[in-house]
Amino acid sequence: MSLSEKTCVPCKGGVPPLTSAQYAPLLAQLDGWSVNAAGHLEKTYRHEGFRKGLEFVKRVGEMCEAQGHHGDLHLAWGGTRLEVWTHKINGLIEADFIWAAKADSLWQG
């Protein structure tokens, strides 16, 4: 089953974040995503103007609500950056990678 077909399972805390060795196979399944200096998963989608990004952010927002897992959405003219991590443990778990794959499936670049 691909990441985008899975469902995000909320973290209740008390678990350690994935190590880089543990998340490397998950990251390899994503296109264009990286782990930033804060240890968060992020990707920037480039688009013309503002409207295309706005429509994408709306779709991602609906996905966040459906999955019960919310990332940060940074909308600007010409680009939209998504950033996700599990706040309860201040790190990454499988649900973050599922979220990223689901966001990619919503992009109509």
Protein backbone atom coordinates (compact mmCIF):
# COMPACT_ATOMS: atom_id res chain seq x y z
CA MET A 1 0.00 0.00 0.00
CA SER A 2 1.41 3.40 -0.92
CA LEU A 3 1.77 6.13 1.68
CA SER A 4 -1.02 8.19 0.10
CA GLU A 5 -3.45 5.27 0.51
CA LYS A 6 -2.83 4.99 4.25
CA THR A 7 -4.60 6.94 6.99
CA CYS A 8 -2.79 9.20 9.45
CA VAL A 9 -2.87 7.74 12.94
CA PRO A 10 -2.75 10.49 15.57
CA CYS A 11 0.16 10.36 17.99
CA LYS A 12 -0.84 10.43 21.64
CA GLY A 13 2.71 11.20 22.75
CA GLY A 14 5.09 9.07 24.74
CA VAL A 15 6.82 7.64 21.68
CA PRO A 16 10.21 8.68 20.37
CA PRO A 17 10.42 10.41 17.00
CA LEU A 18 11.79 8.39 14.12
CA THR A 19 15.55 8.51 13.69
CA SER A 20 16.99 9.52 10.33
CA ALA A 21 17.76 5.84 9.65
CA GLN A 22 14.13 4.94 10.41
CA TYR A 23 12.57 7.66 8.28
CA ALA A 24 14.97 7.39 5.31
CA PRO A 25 12.89 4.65 3.59
CA LEU A 26 9.73 6.73 4.04
CA LEU A 27 11.39 9.88 2.71
CA ALA A 28 12.59 7.90 -0.32
CA GLN A 29 8.94 7.27 -1.22
CA LEU A 30 8.24 11.01 -1.48
CA ASP A 31 9.12 13.32 -4.35
CA GLY A 32 10.86 16.59 -3.51
CA TRP A 33 10.35 16.48 0.25
CA SER A 34 13.21 17.05 2.67
CA VAL A 35 13.81 17.21 6.39
CA ASN A 36 14.76 20.75 7.41
CA ALA A 37 17.12 21.89 10.18
CA ALA A 38 14.26 21.82 12.71
CA GLY A 39 13.59 18.16 11.91
CA HIS A 40 10.34 18.92 10.08
CA LEU A 41 9.28 17.52 6.73
CA GLU A 42 8.88 20.26 4.10
CA LYS A 43 8.34 20.91 0.42
CA THR A 44 7.75 23.98 -1.72
CA TYR A 45 5.38 23.81 -4.68
CA ARG A 46 6.00 26.44 -7.36
CA HIS A 47 3.06 27.96 -9.22
CA GLU A 48 2.16 30.99 -11.28
CA GLY A 49 0.48 33.79 -9.38
CA PHE A 50 -1.54 33.32 -6.23
CA ARG A 51 -4.85 31.64 -7.14
CA LYS A 52 -3.37 28.21 -7.94
CA GLY A 53 -1.64 28.14 -4.55
CA LEU A 54 -4.81 29.26 -2.81
CA GLU A 55 -6.82 26.44 -4.36
CA PHE A 56 -4.10 23.95 -3.37
CA VAL A 57 -4.07 25.24 0.22
CA LYS A 58 -7.84 24.79 0.38
CA ARG A 59 -7.53 21.15 -0.74
CA VAL A 60 -4.71 20.48 1.71
CA GLY A 61 -6.71 22.10 4.51
CA GLU A 62 -9.64 19.79 3.84
CA MET A 63 -7.26 16.81 3.87
CA CYS A 64 -5.86 17.99 7.22
CA GLU A 65 -9.32 18.06 8.72
CA ALA A 66 -10.22 14.65 7.28
CA GLN A 67 -7.00 13.07 8.58
CA GLY A 68 -6.97 14.85 11.94
CA HIS A 69 -3.34 15.79 11.26
CA HIS A 70 -2.42 19.40 10.55
CA GLY A 71 0.69 20.79 8.96
CA ASP A 72 1.77 24.36 8.43
CA LEU A 73 0.74 25.92 5.11
CA HIS A 74 2.71 28.93 3.88
CA LEU A 75 1.03 30.55 0.88
CA ALA A 76 2.79 33.23 -1.16
CA TRP A 77 2.65 34.55 -4.69
CA GLY A 78 4.48 31.99 -6.84
CA GLY A 79 4.95 29.29 -4.21
CA THR A 80 3.36 27.32 -1.42
CA ARG A 81 5.49 25.67 1.25
CA LEU A 82 4.12 22.85 3.36
CA GLU A 83 5.76 21.82 6.61
CA VAL A 84 4.68 18.97 8.85
CA TRP A 85 5.85 17.24 12.01
CA THR A 86 4.21 15.71 15.04
CA HIS A 87 3.91 18.47 17.62
CA LYS A 88 3.33 16.17 20.60
CA ILE A 89 6.81 14.67 20.25
CA ASN A 90 8.45 17.49 18.26
CA GLY A 91 9.59 15.03 15.64
CA LEU A 92 8.56 12.82 12.76
CA ILE A 93 6.40 9.69 12.74
CA GLU A 94 4.96 7.70 9.84
CA ALA A 95 1.80 9.85 9.84
CA ASP A 96 3.86 12.86 8.74
CA PHE A 97 5.04 10.99 5.65
CA ILE A 98 1.50 9.82 4.92
CA TRP A 99 0.36 13.45 5.21
CA ALA A 100 3.08 14.54 2.76
CA ALA A 101 2.12 11.86 0.23
CA LYS A 102 -1.54 12.85 0.50
CA ALA A 103 -0.61 16.50 -0.08
CA ASP A 104 1.35 15.51 -3.19
CA SER A 105 -1.70 13.67 -4.51
CA LEU A 106 -3.68 16.93 -4.25
CA TRP A 107 -1.20 19.02 -6.23
CA GLN A 108 -2.37 19.90 -9.72
CA GLY A 109 0.85 21.51 -10.91
